[in-house]
C-alpha atoms as a PDB file:
ATOM      1  CA  MET A   1      -0.210  31.648  38.802  1.00  0.00           C
ATOM      2  CA  PRO A   2      -1.148  28.411  36.988  1.00  0.00           C
ATOM      3  CA  ALA A   3       0.368  25.077  37.905  1.00  0.00           C
ATOM      4  CA  LEU A   4       3.839  24.347  36.502  1.00  0.00           C
ATOM      5  CA  ARG A   5       2.561  21.909  33.855  1.00  0.00           C
ATOM      6  CA  GLU A   6      -0.008  24.370  32.557  1.00  0.00           C
ATOM      7  CA  LEU A   7       2.585  27.151  32.544  1.00  0.00           C
ATOM      8  CA  GLN A   8       4.914  24.951  30.497  1.00  0.00           C
ATOM      9  CA  ARG A   9       2.127  24.210  28.021  1.00  0.00           C
ATOM     10  CA  ARG A  10       1.341  27.894  27.638  1.00  0.00           C
ATOM     11  CA  PHE A  11       5.007  28.690  27.164  1.00  0.00           C
ATOM     12  CA  ALA A  12       5.273  26.048  24.423  1.00  0.00           C
ATOM     13  CA  ARG A  13       2.199  27.428  22.658  1.00  0.00           C
ATOM     14  CA  GLY A  14       3.653  30.906  22.890  1.00  0.00           C
ATOM     15  CA  MET A  15       6.883  29.704  21.301  1.00  0.00           C
ATOM     16  CA  TRP A  16       5.109  28.317  18.250  1.00  0.00           C
ATOM     17  CA  SER A  17       2.332  30.860  17.997  1.00  0.00           C
ATOM     18  CA  PRO A  18       3.274  34.492  18.628  1.00  0.00           C
ATOM     19  CA  SER A  19      -0.426  35.333  18.792  1.00  0.00           C
ATOM     20  CA  GLU A  20      -0.629  33.296  22.000  1.00  0.00           C
ATOM     21  CA  SER A  21       2.381  34.932  23.635  1.00  0.00           C
ATOM     22  CA  GLY A  22       0.121  37.211  25.656  1.00  0.00           C
ATOM     23  CA  THR A  23      -1.134  34.233  27.647  1.00  0.00           C
ATOM     24  CA  ILE A  24       2.226  33.914  29.410  1.00  0.00           C
ATOM     25  CA  GLU A  25       3.730  37.393  29.267  1.00  0.00           C
ATOM     26  CA  ALA A  26       1.883  38.272  32.461  1.00  0.00           C
ATOM     27  CA  TRP A  27       3.835  35.597  34.325  1.00  0.00           C
ATOM     28  CA  ILE A  28       7.272  36.781  33.199  1.00  0.00           C
ATOM     29  CA  GLU A  29       9.185  38.697  35.836  1.00  0.00           C
ATOM     30  CA  GLY A  30       9.962  42.246  34.793  1.00  0.00           C
ATOM     31  CA  ASP A  31      13.457  43.129  33.611  1.00  0.00           C
ATOM     32  CA  ALA A  32      15.284  45.581  31.383  1.00  0.00           C
ATOM     33  CA  ILE A  33      14.072  43.623  28.327  1.00  0.00           C
ATOM     34  CA  ALA A  34      10.351  43.702  27.565  1.00  0.00           C
ATOM     35  CA  GLU A  35       8.426  40.460  28.083  1.00  0.00           C
ATOM     36  CA  ALA A  36       7.527  40.080  24.388  1.00  0.00           C
ATOM     37  CA  ASP A  37      11.156  40.683  23.363  1.00  0.00           C
ATOM     38  CA  ARG A  38      12.408  38.089  25.819  1.00  0.00           C
ATOM     39  CA  LEU A  39       9.998  35.544  24.378  1.00  0.00           C
ATOM     40  CA  SER A  40      11.196  36.427  20.879  1.00  0.00           C
ATOM     41  CA  ILE A  41      14.755  35.584  21.887  1.00  0.00           C
ATOM     42  CA  TYR A  42      13.657  32.094  22.916  1.00  0.00           C
ATOM     43  CA  ARG A  43      11.517  31.726  19.793  1.00  0.00           C
ATOM     44  CA  ASN A  44      14.278  32.809  17.419  1.00  0.00           C
ATOM     45  CA  THR A  45      16.823  30.544  19.123  1.00  0.00           C
ATOM     46  CA  MET A  46      14.450  27.585  18.947  1.00  0.00           C
ATOM     47  CA  THR A  47      13.650  28.236  15.285  1.00  0.00           C
ATOM     48  CA  GLY A  48      17.331  28.569  14.424  1.00  0.00           C
ATOM     49  CA  VAL A  49      18.284  25.334  16.172  1.00  0.00           C
ATOM     50  CA  ILE A  50      15.557  23.331  14.424  1.00  0.00           C
ATOM     51  CA  THR A  51      16.287  24.907  11.032  1.00  0.00           C
ATOM     52  CA  ASN A  52      19.961  24.013  11.369  1.00  0.00           C
ATOM     53  CA  ALA A  53      19.003  20.444  12.307  1.00  0.00           C
ATOM     54  CA  MET A  54      16.861  20.244   9.167  1.00  0.00           C
ATOM     55  CA  ARG A  55      19.768  21.591   7.089  1.00  0.00           C
ATOM     56  CA  LEU A  56      21.908  18.710   8.311  1.00  0.00           C
ATOM     57  CA  THR A  57      19.199  16.206   7.354  1.00  0.00           C
ATOM     58  CA  TYR A  58      18.251  17.799   4.020  1.00  0.00           C
ATOM     59  CA  PRO A  59      21.414  19.434   2.599  1.00  0.00           C
ATOM     60  CA  VAL A  60      20.588  18.591  -1.022  1.00  0.00           C
ATOM     61  CA  VAL A  61      17.064  19.980  -0.728  1.00  0.00           C
ATOM     62  CA  GLU A  62      18.559  23.217   0.593  1.00  0.00           C
ATOM     63  CA  ARG A  63      21.053  23.382  -2.268  1.00  0.00           C
ATOM     64  CA  LEU A  64      18.241  22.922  -4.787  1.00  0.00           C
ATOM     65  CA  VAL A  65      16.046  25.726  -3.411  1.00  0.00           C
ATOM     66  CA  GLY A  66      18.531  28.045  -1.716  1.00  0.00           C
ATOM     67  CA  ALA A  67      19.021  28.890   1.957  1.00  0.00           C
ATOM     68  CA  LYS A  68      16.300  31.562   2.164  1.00  0.00           C
ATOM     69  CA  PHE A  69      13.601  29.426   0.523  1.00  0.00           C
ATOM     70  CA  PHE A  70      14.605  26.445   2.647  1.00  0.00           C
ATOM     71  CA  ALA A  71      14.415  28.399   5.908  1.00  0.00           C
ATOM     72  CA  GLY A  72      10.995  29.762   4.960  1.00  0.00           C
ATOM     73  CA  ALA A  73       9.675  26.311   4.067  1.00  0.00           C
ATOM     74  CA  VAL A  74      11.012  24.829   7.299  1.00  0.00           C
ATOM     75  CA  GLY A  75       9.361  27.626   9.283  1.00  0.00           C
ATOM     76  CA  ILE A  76       5.974  26.820   7.744  1.00  0.00           C
ATOM     77  CA  PHE A  77       6.573  23.100   8.237  1.00  0.00           C
ATOM     78  CA  MET A  78       7.456  23.629  11.907  1.00  0.00           C
ATOM     79  CA  ALA A  79       4.256  25.537  12.595  1.00  0.00           C
ATOM     80  CA  ALA A  80       2.204  22.431  11.730  1.00  0.00           C
ATOM     81  CA  ASN A  81       4.688  19.777  12.865  1.00  0.00           C
ATOM     82  CA  LEU A  82       5.878  20.450  16.380  1.00  0.00           C
ATOM     83  CA  PRO A  83       8.896  18.494  17.637  1.00  0.00           C
ATOM     84  CA  ARG A  84       7.904  15.745  20.055  1.00  0.00           C
ATOM     85  CA  SER A  85      11.421  15.107  21.303  1.00  0.00           C
ATOM     86  CA  ALA A  86      14.629  16.980  22.010  1.00  0.00           C
ATOM     87  CA  TYR A  87      16.393  14.435  19.780  1.00  0.00           C
ATOM     88  CA  LEU A  88      16.288  16.458  16.568  1.00  0.00           C
ATOM     89  CA  ASN A  89      17.790  13.697  14.426  1.00  0.00           C
ATOM     90  CA  ALA A  90      14.321  12.173  14.645  1.00  0.00           C
ATOM     91  CA  TYR A  91      12.589  15.374  13.516  1.00  0.00           C
ATOM     92  CA  GLY A  92      11.440  16.031   9.959  1.00  0.00           C
ATOM     93  CA  ALA A  93      10.099  12.645   8.849  1.00  0.00           C
ATOM     94  CA  ASP A  94       7.088  14.279   7.153  1.00  0.00           C
ATOM     95  CA  PHE A  95       9.043  16.954   5.293  1.00  0.00           C
ATOM     96  CA  ALA A  96       8.817  15.113   1.959  1.00  0.00           C
ATOM     97  CA  ALA A  97       5.025  14.891   2.252  1.00  0.00           C
ATOM     98  CA  PHE A  98       4.922  18.575   3.204  1.00  0.00           C
ATOM     99  CA  LEU A  99       6.945  19.565   0.130  1.00  0.00           C
ATOM    100  CA  ALA A 100       4.627  17.521  -2.105  1.00  0.00           C
ATOM    101  CA  GLY A 101       1.783  19.841  -1.130  1.00  0.00           C
ATOM    102  CA  PHE A 102       3.833  23.053  -0.805  1.00  0.00           C
ATOM    103  CA  THR A 103       2.647  25.323  -3.604  1.00  0.00           C
ATOM    104  CA  PRO A 104       5.821  27.466  -3.845  1.00  0.00           C
ATOM    105  CA  ALA A 105       7.774  24.263  -4.628  1.00  0.00           C
ATOM    106  CA  ALA A 106       5.352  23.020  -7.297  1.00  0.00           C
ATOM    107  CA  SER A 107       7.801  23.850 -10.107  1.00  0.00           C
ATOM    108  CA  LEU A 108      10.279  21.332  -8.650  1.00  0.00           C
ATOM    109  CA  PRO A 109       8.394  18.000  -8.926  1.00  0.00           C
ATOM    110  CA  TYR A 110      11.476  16.029  -7.890  1.00  0.00           C
ATOM    111  CA  LEU A 111      11.892  17.895  -4.573  1.00  0.00           C
ATOM    112  CA  PRO A 112       9.666  15.597  -2.444  1.00  0.00           C
ATOM    113  CA  ASP A 113      11.525  12.545  -3.767  1.00  0.00           C
ATOM    114  CA  VAL A 114      14.888  14.115  -2.947  1.00  0.00           C
ATOM    115  CA  ALA A 115      13.619  14.832   0.568  1.00  0.00           C
ATOM    116  CA  ALA A 116      12.346  11.259   0.971  1.00  0.00           C
ATOM    117  CA  LEU A 117      15.727   9.931  -0.139  1.00  0.00           C
ATOM    118  CA  GLU A 118      17.616  12.268   2.185  1.00  0.00           C
ATOM    119  CA  TRP A 119      15.465  11.193   5.128  1.00  0.00           C
ATOM    120  CA  ALA A 120      16.372   7.575   4.381  1.00  0.00           C
ATOM    121  CA  VAL A 121      20.051   8.493   4.033  1.00  0.00           C
ATOM    122  CA  ALA A 122      19.998  10.339   7.367  1.00  0.00           C
ATOM    123  CA  GLY A 123      18.340   7.355   9.031  1.00  0.00           C
ATOM    124  CA  ALA A 124      20.901   4.981   7.560  1.00  0.00           C
ATOM    125  CA  ALA A 125      23.774   7.186   8.712  1.00  0.00           C
ATOM    126  CA  ALA A 126      22.453   7.274  12.291  1.00  0.00           C
ATOM    127  CA  ALA A 127      21.453   3.592  12.513  1.00  0.00           C
ATOM    128  CA  ASP A 128      23.140   1.153  14.863  1.00  0.00           C
ATOM    129  CA  ASP A 129      26.066  -0.827  13.555  1.00  0.00           C
ATOM    130  CA  ALA A 130      26.077  -4.605  13.169  1.00  0.00           C
ATOM    131  CA  PRO A 131      28.432  -7.181  11.643  1.00  0.00           C
ATOM    132  CA  ALA A 132      27.628  -8.171   8.073  1.00  0.00           C
ATOM    133  CA  LEU A 133      26.412 -11.672   7.336  1.00  0.00           C
ATOM    134  CA  ASP A 134      28.927 -13.579   5.219  1.00  0.00           C
ATOM    135  CA  ALA A 135      27.733 -15.955   2.493  1.00  0.00           C
ATOM    136  CA  ARG A 136      30.008 -18.568   4.049  1.00  0.00           C
ATOM    137  CA  ASP A 137      27.831 -18.399   7.174  1.00  0.00           C
ATOM    138  CA  LEU A 138      25.107 -20.135   5.161  1.00  0.00           C
ATOM    139  CA  ALA A 139      27.313 -22.981   3.977  1.00  0.00           C
ATOM    140  CA  GLY A 140      26.467 -25.235   6.929  1.00  0.00           C
ATOM    141  CA  PHE A 141      22.731 -25.320   6.215  1.00  0.00           C
ATOM    142  CA  ASP A 142      21.200 -28.172   4.255  1.00  0.00           C
ATOM    143  CA  PRO A 143      18.895 -27.156   1.340  1.00  0.00           C
ATOM    144  CA  ILE A 144      15.649 -27.614   3.298  1.00  0.00           C
ATOM    145  CA  ALA A 145      16.905 -25.592   6.275  1.00  0.00           C
ATOM    146  CA  LEU A 146      18.275 -22.941   3.914  1.00  0.00           C
ATOM    147  CA  GLU A 147      14.883 -22.461   2.254  1.00  0.00           C
ATOM    148  CA  ALA A 148      13.264 -21.922   5.670  1.00  0.00           C
ATOM    149  CA  LEU A 149      15.924 -19.439   6.762  1.00  0.00           C
ATOM    150  CA  ARG A 150      15.068 -15.808   7.447  1.00  0.00           C
ATOM    151  CA  LEU A 151      17.631 -13.047   7.042  1.00  0.00           C
ATOM    152  CA  ILE A 152      17.850 -10.035   9.360  1.00  0.00           C
ATOM    153  CA  PRO A 153      18.635  -6.815   7.457  1.00  0.00           C
ATOM    154  CA  HIS A 154      21.404  -4.488   8.583  1.00  0.00           C
ATOM    155  CA  PRO A 155      19.931  -1.731  10.824  1.00  0.00           C
ATOM    156  CA  SER A 156      20.862   0.888   8.233  1.00  0.00           C
ATOM    157  CA  LEU A 157      19.100  -0.804   5.314  1.00  0.00           C
ATOM    158  CA  ARG A 158      16.347   1.220   3.668  1.00  0.00           C
ATOM    159  CA  LEU A 159      14.095   0.905   0.602  1.00  0.00           C
ATOM    160  CA  VAL A 160      12.786   4.116  -0.964  1.00  0.00           C
ATOM    161  CA  ARG A 161      10.178   4.267  -3.719  1.00  0.00           C
ATOM    162  CA  LEU A 162      10.784   7.143  -6.146  1.00  0.00           C
ATOM    163  CA  THR A 163       8.969   8.551  -9.167  1.00  0.00           C
ATOM    164  CA  THR A 164      11.712  10.964 -10.283  1.00  0.00           C
ATOM    165  CA  PRO A 165      15.497  10.525 -10.682  1.00  0.00           C
ATOM    166  CA  ALA A 166      16.087  11.855  -7.163  1.00  0.00           C
ATOM    167  CA  ASP A 167      18.904   9.370  -6.641  1.00  0.00           C
ATOM    168  CA  THR A 168      20.810  10.805  -9.602  1.00  0.00           C
ATOM    169  CA  ILE A 169      20.181  14.360  -8.377  1.00  0.00           C
ATOM    170  CA  TRP A 170      21.374  13.365  -4.911  1.00  0.00           C
ATOM    171  CA  ARG A 171      24.562  11.796  -6.276  1.00  0.00           C
ATOM    172  CA  ILE A 172      25.362  14.822  -8.450  1.00  0.00           C
ATOM    173  CA  LEU A 173      24.862  17.430  -5.734  1.00  0.00           C
ATOM    174  CA  THR A 174      26.557  15.339  -3.064  1.00  0.00           C
ATOM    175  CA  ALA A 175      29.582  15.187  -5.360  1.00  0.00           C
ATOM    176  CA  GLY A 176      29.313  18.932  -6.066  1.00  0.00           C
ATOM    177  CA  ASP A 177      28.827  18.574  -9.835  1.00  0.00           C
ATOM    178  CA  GLU A 178      25.902  20.982 -10.319  1.00  0.00           C
ATOM    179  CA  ALA A 179      26.601  21.375 -14.041  1.00  0.00           C
ATOM    180  CA  GLU A 180      25.513  17.769 -14.608  1.00  0.00           C
ATOM    181  CA  LEU A 181      21.972  18.575 -13.493  1.00  0.00           C
ATOM    182  CA  ALA A 182      21.250  20.052 -16.919  1.00  0.00           C
ATOM    183  CA  GLY A 183      21.507  16.600 -18.496  1.00  0.00           C
ATOM    184  CA  ILE A 184      18.933  14.906 -16.283  1.00  0.00           C
ATOM    185  CA  THR A 185      15.649  13.737 -17.824  1.00  0.00           C
ATOM    186  CA  LEU A 186      12.886  13.933 -15.234  1.00  0.00           C
ATOM    187  CA  ALA A 187      10.476  11.578 -16.990  1.00  0.00           C
ATOM    188  CA  THR A 188      10.950   8.093 -15.570  1.00  0.00           C
ATOM    189  CA  GLU A 189       8.962   5.102 -14.449  1.00  0.00           C
ATOM    190  CA  PRO A 190       8.629   4.610 -10.675  1.00  0.00           C
ATOM    191  CA  PHE A 191      11.484   2.611  -9.192  1.00  0.00           C
ATOM    192  CA  THR A 192      12.923   1.520  -5.848  1.00  0.00           C
ATOM    193  CA  VAL A 193      16.301   2.398  -4.365  1.00  0.00           C
ATOM    194  CA  ILE A 194      18.027   0.184  -1.803  1.00  0.00           C
ATOM    195  CA  LEU A 195      20.551   1.907   0.449  1.00  0.00           C
ATOM    196  CA  HIS A 196      22.599   1.138   3.526  1.00  0.00           C
ATOM    197  CA  ARG A 197      25.644   2.374   5.363  1.00  0.00           C
ATOM    198  CA  ARG A 198      29.095   1.008   4.568  1.00  0.00           C
ATOM    199  CA  THR A 199      32.491   1.966   5.949  1.00  0.00           C
ATOM    200  CA  GLU A 200      33.044   4.301   2.992  1.00  0.00           C
ATOM    201  CA  GLY A 201      29.654   5.976   3.368  1.00  0.00           C
ATOM    202  CA  ILE A 202      26.093   5.469   2.139  1.00  0.00           C
ATOM    203  CA  ALA A 203      25.778   2.997  -0.738  1.00  0.00           C
ATOM    204  CA  LEU A 204      22.677   2.981  -2.887  1.00  0.00           C
ATOM    205  CA  ARG A 205      21.477   1.468  -6.138  1.00  0.00           C
ATOM    206  CA  ARG A 206      18.269   1.024  -8.042  1.00  0.00           C
ATOM    207  CA  LEU A 207      16.412  -2.268  -7.933  1.00  0.00           C
ATOM    208  CA  SER A 208      14.433  -3.574 -10.879  1.00  0.00           C
ATOM    209  CA  GLU A 209      10.837  -4.562 -10.219  1.00  0.00           C
ATOM    210  CA  LEU A 210      11.785  -8.251 -10.109  1.00  0.00           C
ATOM    211  CA  GLU A 211      14.757  -7.571  -7.844  1.00  0.00           C
ATOM    212  CA  CYS A 212      12.414  -5.653  -5.583  1.00  0.00           C
ATOM    213  CA  ALA A 213       9.951  -8.573  -5.674  1.00  0.00           C
ATOM    214  CA  VAL A 214      12.708 -10.788  -4.228  1.00  0.00           C
ATOM    215  CA  THR A 215      14.173  -8.263  -1.802  1.00  0.00           C
ATOM    216  CA  GLU A 216      10.995  -7.009  -0.132  1.00  0.00           C
ATOM    217  CA  PRO A 217       9.876 -10.449   1.145  1.00  0.00           C
ATOM    218  CA  ILE A 218      13.326 -11.036   2.614  1.00  0.00           C
ATOM    219  CA  LEU A 219      13.141  -7.712   4.444  1.00  0.00           C
ATOM    220  CA  GLN A 220       9.665  -8.620   5.676  1.00  0.00           C
ATOM    221  CA  GLY A 221      11.095 -11.749   7.312  1.00  0.00           C
ATOM    222  CA  ARG A 222       9.665 -14.244   4.845  1.00  0.00           C
ATOM    223  CA  PRO A 223      11.474 -17.611   4.347  1.00  0.00           C
ATOM    224  CA  LEU A 224      14.389 -17.379   1.948  1.00  0.00           C
ATOM    225  CA  GLY A 225      13.089 -20.077  -0.395  1.00  0.00           C
ATOM    226  CA  GLU A 226       9.745 -18.313  -0.754  1.00  0.00           C
ATOM    227  CA  ALA A 227      11.386 -14.947  -1.432  1.00  0.00           C
ATOM    228  CA  LEU A 228      13.766 -16.296  -4.065  1.00  0.00           C
ATOM    229  CA  MET A 229      10.853 -17.853  -5.970  1.00  0.00           C
ATOM    230  CA  ALA A 230       9.229 -14.418  -6.338  1.00  0.00           C
ATOM    231  CA  GLY A 231      11.892 -13.233  -8.770  1.00  0.00           C
ATOM    232  CA  GLY A 232      10.396 -14.788 -11.876  1.00  0.00           C
ATOM    233  CA  GLY A 233      12.958 -14.558 -14.649  1.00  0.00           C
ATOM    234  CA  ILE A 234      15.896 -13.065 -12.734  1.00  0.00           C
ATOM    235  CA  ASP A 235      18.792 -14.915 -11.145  1.00  0.00           C
ATOM    236  CA  ALA A 236      17.577 -14.562  -7.561  1.00  0.00           C
ATOM    237  CA  VAL A 237      20.536 -16.489  -6.169  1.00  0.00           C
ATOM    238  CA  ALA A 238      22.945 -14.025  -7.788  1.00  0.00           C
ATOM    239  CA  LEU A 239      20.937 -11.157  -6.296  1.00  0.00           C
ATOM    240  CA  LEU A 240      21.119 -12.773  -2.865  1.00  0.00           C
ATOM    241  CA  ALA A 241      24.874 -13.166  -3.289  1.00  0.00           C
ATOM    242  CA  GLU A 242      25.144  -9.460  -4.094  1.00  0.00           C
ATOM    243  CA  HIS A 243      23.078  -8.547  -1.029  1.00  0.00           C
ATOM    244  CA  LEU A 244      25.388 -10.595   1.169  1.00  0.00           C
ATOM    245  CA  ALA A 245      28.584  -9.348  -0.452  1.00  0.00           C
ATOM    246  CA  SER A 246      27.400  -5.773   0.013  1.00  0.00           C
ATOM    247  CA  GLY A 247      26.737  -6.292   3.734  1.00  0.00           C
ATOM    248  CA  ARG A 248      23.003  -5.673   3.560  1.00  0.00           C
ATOM    249  CA  PHE A 249      22.158  -8.431   6.043  1.00  0.00           C
ATOM    250  CA  THR A 250      23.559  -9.074   9.473  1.00  0.00           C
ATOM    251  CA  ARG A 251      22.355 -12.466  10.752  1.00  0.00           C
ATOM    252  CA  THR A 252      19.868 -15.310  10.280  1.00  0.00           C
ATOM    253  CA  ALA A 253      16.747 -16.269  12.179  1.00  0.00           C
END
């Protein structure tokens, strides 16, 4: 019999690749259930658990394609993307990229964007909590110190770049208003969505290119004065006030 570590590796390979099951069947103790059937029980349980975890992360994707299509796509995705942890909330980060190259989903060009947005939403929902930074917390800084200040984003804050109206699709299906999908125009210029978790749920909105030009440097830890100057013709101070009022930042540095 091989060493325990090698046996575990063979068992894992057999779970993901039925063609390799024979490499470990010889080491399974005989019972009323055949060795191959016993392995299938483990394999089916494992596949079901991971598929259900993906359903929780990507509920809108599943609603768009149907349960059977979704399960089939996840099965193919799993074969090339093995879980590296038992913490399944962290599994599925590459699903959007997978769908972008998944030929059976080619007629749904918005599907990868919806998946990318749902991954961000799931991450925001599971992120640590932190108190929101209040605009009044900045009142004690003199102008020079304020310009050098760096803001720390809330742990749930995410930016997602989209090329289709996936945010609108997500809102409609999350609200259960499928009939409104017929009125969506898919043609759109690329845009960025900012989202974070609030007490009432996930809040998201689109940022204009200039708003994004101000927001991204702040999230990168650049000095506040430098970031606000990047906005060109927009009222960057008003945007900052909105960020603070919405609870998108938690402290200064």
